[in-house]
């Protein structure tokens, strides 16, 4: 379950990708459509949150920053079974 980290309340435009950048601020980049290229990211709001490792930070539907624990997938390690010696 996600929890709110910061209340910002930004309004999202269509055709733009909103994300939390490395400095903890909200940035926006124009998405590529067909043969048209995408744009470079621009800062929308300065928040400056500190990111904790193992968490995914995103912009929720109300325009605030939320975080959720990342699910780590991959192949599970098998428990080491002892092999019986054959006589």
N, C-alpha and C. Protein backbone atom coordinates (compact mmCIF):
# COMPACT_ATOMS: atom_id res chain seq x y z
N UNK A 1 0.84 -1.18 0.00
CA UNK A 1 0.00 0.00 0.00
C UNK A 1 0.89 1.25 0.00
N UNK A 2 0.52 2.21 -0.79
CA UNK A 2 1.31 3.44 -0.91
C UNK A 2 0.93 4.42 0.20
N UNK A 3 1.92 5.23 0.59
CA UNK A 3 1.63 6.29 1.57
C UNK A 3 2.11 7.62 1.01
N UNK A 4 1.38 8.69 1.36
CA UNK A 4 1.72 10.03 0.87
C UNK A 4 2.96 10.53 1.58
N UNK A 5 3.88 11.08 0.79
CA UNK A 5 5.12 11.62 1.34
C UNK A 5 5.04 13.14 1.42
N UNK A 6 4.53 13.77 0.34
CA UNK A 6 4.44 15.23 0.30
C UNK A 6 3.18 15.64 -0.47
N UNK A 7 2.47 16.65 0.05
CA UNK A 7 1.30 17.18 -0.64
C UNK A 7 1.75 18.31 -1.55
N UNK A 8 1.55 18.10 -2.86
CA UNK A 8 1.96 19.11 -3.83
C UNK A 8 0.75 19.59 -4.62
N UNK A 9 -0.06 18.66 -5.11
CA UNK A 9 -1.28 19.00 -5.83
C UNK A 9 -1.06 19.61 -7.19
N UNK A 10 -0.14 19.03 -7.99
CA UNK A 10 0.11 19.56 -9.34
C UNK A 10 -0.97 19.08 -10.30
N UNK A 11 -1.25 19.87 -11.30
CA UNK A 11 -2.20 19.49 -12.35
C UNK A 11 -1.41 18.89 -13.50
N UNK A 12 -1.82 17.71 -13.94
CA UNK A 12 -1.09 17.02 -15.02
C UNK A 12 -1.67 17.37 -16.38
N UNK A 13 -0.77 17.57 -17.35
CA UNK A 13 -1.18 17.81 -18.73
C UNK A 13 -1.12 16.50 -19.50
N UNK A 14 -1.94 16.38 -20.54
CA UNK A 14 -1.90 15.18 -21.38
C UNK A 14 -0.65 15.21 -22.24
N UNK A 15 -0.07 14.02 -22.46
CA UNK A 15 1.12 13.92 -23.29
C UNK A 15 2.42 14.21 -22.56
N UNK A 16 2.35 14.36 -21.25
CA UNK A 16 3.56 14.61 -20.45
C UNK A 16 3.73 13.51 -19.42
N UNK A 17 4.97 13.16 -19.15
CA UNK A 17 5.31 12.15 -18.15
C UNK A 17 5.85 12.88 -16.92
N UNK A 18 5.18 12.69 -15.78
CA UNK A 18 5.60 13.32 -14.54
C UNK A 18 6.29 12.29 -13.66
N UNK A 19 7.42 12.68 -13.05
CA UNK A 19 8.18 11.74 -12.22
C UNK A 19 8.94 12.50 -11.14
N UNK A 20 9.41 11.75 -10.14
CA UNK A 20 10.23 12.32 -9.07
C UNK A 20 11.69 12.13 -9.49
N UNK A 21 12.42 13.23 -9.66
CA UNK A 21 13.80 13.13 -10.13
C UNK A 21 14.76 12.79 -8.98
N UNK A 22 16.07 12.73 -9.30
CA UNK A 22 17.08 12.31 -8.32
C UNK A 22 17.19 13.25 -7.13
N UNK A 23 16.87 14.51 -7.33
CA UNK A 23 16.97 15.48 -6.24
C UNK A 23 15.70 15.53 -5.38
N UNK A 24 14.68 14.72 -5.73
CA UNK A 24 13.45 14.68 -4.95
C UNK A 24 12.42 15.71 -5.36
N UNK A 25 12.60 16.31 -6.53
CA UNK A 25 11.65 17.29 -7.05
C UNK A 25 10.78 16.64 -8.12
N UNK A 26 9.70 17.31 -8.51
CA UNK A 26 8.82 16.79 -9.57
C UNK A 26 9.25 17.38 -10.90
N UNK A 27 9.49 16.50 -11.87
CA UNK A 27 9.86 16.93 -13.22
C UNK A 27 8.84 16.42 -14.22
N UNK A 28 8.83 17.05 -15.39
CA UNK A 28 7.89 16.70 -16.45
C UNK A 28 8.65 16.64 -17.76
N UNK A 29 8.38 15.59 -18.55
CA UNK A 29 9.00 15.46 -19.87
C UNK A 29 7.91 15.15 -20.88
N UNK A 30 8.00 15.77 -22.05
CA UNK A 30 7.02 15.52 -23.11
C UNK A 30 7.28 14.14 -23.69
N UNK A 31 6.23 13.32 -23.80
CA UNK A 31 6.37 11.95 -24.30
C UNK A 31 6.45 11.94 -25.82
N UNK A 32 7.21 10.99 -26.36
CA UNK A 32 7.35 10.83 -27.81
C UNK A 32 6.05 10.26 -28.37
N UNK A 33 5.60 10.80 -29.48
CA UNK A 33 4.37 10.35 -30.13
C UNK A 33 4.65 10.14 -31.61
N UNK A 34 4.60 8.89 -32.08
CA UNK A 34 4.84 8.60 -33.48
C UNK A 34 6.26 8.95 -33.88
N UNK A 35 6.41 9.76 -34.92
CA UNK A 35 7.74 10.15 -35.37
C UNK A 35 8.27 11.37 -34.61
N UNK A 36 7.40 12.01 -33.82
CA UNK A 36 7.81 13.19 -33.05
C UNK A 36 8.66 12.76 -31.85
N UNK A 37 9.74 13.47 -31.62
CA UNK A 37 10.64 13.16 -30.50
C UNK A 37 10.06 13.68 -29.19
N UNK A 38 10.53 13.09 -28.10
CA UNK A 38 10.13 13.56 -26.78
C UNK A 38 10.96 14.77 -26.38
N UNK A 39 10.59 15.39 -25.28
CA UNK A 39 11.29 16.58 -24.83
C UNK A 39 12.19 16.30 -23.64
N UNK A 40 13.04 17.26 -23.32
CA UNK A 40 13.91 17.11 -22.15
C UNK A 40 13.12 17.48 -20.90
N UNK A 41 13.47 16.89 -19.75
CA UNK A 41 12.70 17.14 -18.53
C UNK A 41 12.83 18.58 -18.02
N UNK A 42 11.72 19.08 -17.48
CA UNK A 42 11.69 20.42 -16.88
C UNK A 42 11.14 20.29 -15.47
N UNK A 43 11.68 21.05 -14.53
CA UNK A 43 11.20 21.01 -13.14
C UNK A 43 9.83 21.68 -13.06
N UNK A 44 8.90 21.00 -12.40
CA UNK A 44 7.55 21.53 -12.24
C UNK A 44 7.38 22.09 -10.82
N UNK A 45 7.88 21.34 -9.82
CA UNK A 45 7.76 21.77 -8.43
C UNK A 45 9.01 21.36 -7.66
N UNK A 46 9.50 22.26 -6.81
CA UNK A 46 10.65 21.95 -5.96
C UNK A 46 10.11 21.43 -4.63
N UNK A 47 10.42 20.17 -4.33
CA UNK A 47 9.95 19.56 -3.09
C UNK A 47 11.15 19.17 -2.24
N UNK A 48 12.12 18.50 -2.84
CA UNK A 48 13.35 18.12 -2.15
C UNK A 48 13.19 17.03 -1.11
N UNK A 49 12.41 15.98 -1.45
CA UNK A 49 12.25 14.87 -0.50
C UNK A 49 13.49 13.99 -0.50
N UNK A 50 13.74 13.34 0.62
CA UNK A 50 14.85 12.39 0.73
C UNK A 50 14.31 11.01 0.38
N UNK A 51 14.93 10.35 -0.59
CA UNK A 51 14.47 9.03 -1.03
C UNK A 51 15.14 7.94 -0.21
N UNK A 52 14.35 6.99 0.26
CA UNK A 52 14.86 5.83 1.00
C UNK A 52 15.09 4.69 0.02
N UNK A 53 16.14 3.91 0.19
CA UNK A 53 16.37 2.78 -0.73
C UNK A 53 15.30 1.70 -0.56
N UNK A 54 14.92 1.05 -1.69
CA UNK A 54 13.92 0.00 -1.66
C UNK A 54 12.49 0.50 -1.79
N UNK A 55 12.31 1.79 -2.07
CA UNK A 55 10.97 2.35 -2.23
C UNK A 55 10.84 2.99 -3.60
N UNK A 56 9.63 2.92 -4.15
CA UNK A 56 9.31 3.52 -5.45
C UNK A 56 8.53 4.80 -5.18
N UNK A 57 9.02 5.91 -5.70
CA UNK A 57 8.36 7.21 -5.52
C UNK A 57 7.67 7.60 -6.82
N UNK A 58 6.41 8.04 -6.71
CA UNK A 58 5.62 8.36 -7.90
C UNK A 58 4.64 9.48 -7.60
N UNK A 59 4.05 10.04 -8.67
CA UNK A 59 3.03 11.08 -8.55
C UNK A 59 1.67 10.39 -8.61
N UNK A 60 0.86 10.53 -7.58
CA UNK A 60 -0.44 9.85 -7.56
C UNK A 60 -1.50 10.67 -8.30
N UNK A 61 -2.74 10.18 -8.29
CA UNK A 61 -3.82 10.80 -9.07
C UNK A 61 -4.14 12.22 -8.61
N UNK A 62 -3.94 12.51 -7.33
CA UNK A 62 -4.23 13.85 -6.83
C UNK A 62 -3.06 14.82 -7.01
N UNK A 63 -1.95 14.35 -7.62
CA UNK A 63 -0.81 15.21 -7.90
C UNK A 63 0.17 15.34 -6.76
N UNK A 64 0.10 14.43 -5.78
CA UNK A 64 1.02 14.44 -4.65
C UNK A 64 2.07 13.34 -4.83
N UNK A 65 3.15 13.42 -4.05
CA UNK A 65 4.20 12.40 -4.11
C UNK A 65 3.86 11.30 -3.12
N UNK A 66 3.83 10.06 -3.61
CA UNK A 66 3.58 8.89 -2.77
C UNK A 66 4.73 7.92 -2.94
N UNK A 67 4.85 6.98 -1.98
CA UNK A 67 5.89 5.96 -2.10
C UNK A 67 5.31 4.61 -1.69
N UNK A 68 5.85 3.56 -2.30
CA UNK A 68 5.45 2.19 -2.01
C UNK A 68 6.70 1.33 -2.00
N UNK A 69 6.69 0.29 -1.18
CA UNK A 69 7.83 -0.62 -1.11
C UNK A 69 7.93 -1.39 -2.41
N UNK A 70 9.16 -1.48 -2.95
CA UNK A 70 9.37 -2.20 -4.21
C UNK A 70 9.30 -3.69 -3.98
N UNK A 71 8.68 -4.39 -4.92
CA UNK A 71 8.61 -5.84 -4.85
C UNK A 71 9.81 -6.38 -5.62
N UNK A 72 10.63 -7.10 -4.93
CA UNK A 72 11.83 -7.67 -5.55
C UNK A 72 11.51 -9.07 -6.04
N UNK A 73 11.48 -9.24 -7.36
CA UNK A 73 11.16 -10.53 -7.95
C UNK A 73 12.41 -11.33 -8.21
N UNK A 74 12.34 -12.16 -9.22
CA UNK A 74 13.50 -12.95 -9.61
C UNK A 74 13.36 -14.39 -9.16
N UNK A 75 14.34 -15.18 -9.55
CA UNK A 75 14.33 -16.60 -9.23
C UNK A 75 14.72 -16.78 -7.76
N UNK A 76 13.91 -17.53 -7.05
CA UNK A 76 14.18 -17.79 -5.64
C UNK A 76 15.27 -18.83 -5.52
N UNK A 77 16.12 -18.68 -4.52
CA UNK A 77 17.19 -19.65 -4.30
C UNK A 77 16.60 -20.91 -3.71
N UNK A 78 17.06 -22.06 -4.21
CA UNK A 78 16.60 -23.32 -3.68
C UNK A 78 17.33 -23.60 -2.37
N UNK A 79 16.62 -24.22 -1.45
CA UNK A 79 17.28 -24.57 -0.20
C UNK A 79 18.29 -25.67 -0.50
N UNK A 80 19.45 -25.55 0.09
CA UNK A 80 20.52 -26.51 -0.21
C UNK A 80 20.15 -27.87 0.39
N UNK A 81 19.97 -28.84 -0.51
CA UNK A 81 19.61 -30.19 -0.06
C UNK A 81 20.87 -31.02 0.03
N UNK A 82 20.93 -31.85 1.04
CA UNK A 82 22.08 -32.73 1.19
C UNK A 82 21.85 -33.96 0.32
N UNK A 83 22.86 -34.31 -0.45
CA UNK A 83 22.74 -35.50 -1.30
C UNK A 83 23.20 -36.72 -0.53
N UNK A 84 22.46 -37.79 -0.71
CA UNK A 84 22.80 -39.03 -0.02
C UNK A 84 23.88 -39.76 -0.81
N UNK A 85 24.81 -40.34 -0.08
CA UNK A 85 25.87 -41.10 -0.74
C UNK A 85 25.33 -42.47 -1.11
N UNK A 86 25.62 -42.88 -2.34
CA UNK A 86 25.18 -44.21 -2.79
C UNK A 86 26.28 -45.22 -2.51
N UNK A 87 25.84 -46.40 -2.12
CA UNK A 87 26.82 -47.46 -1.82
C UNK A 87 27.08 -48.32 -3.02
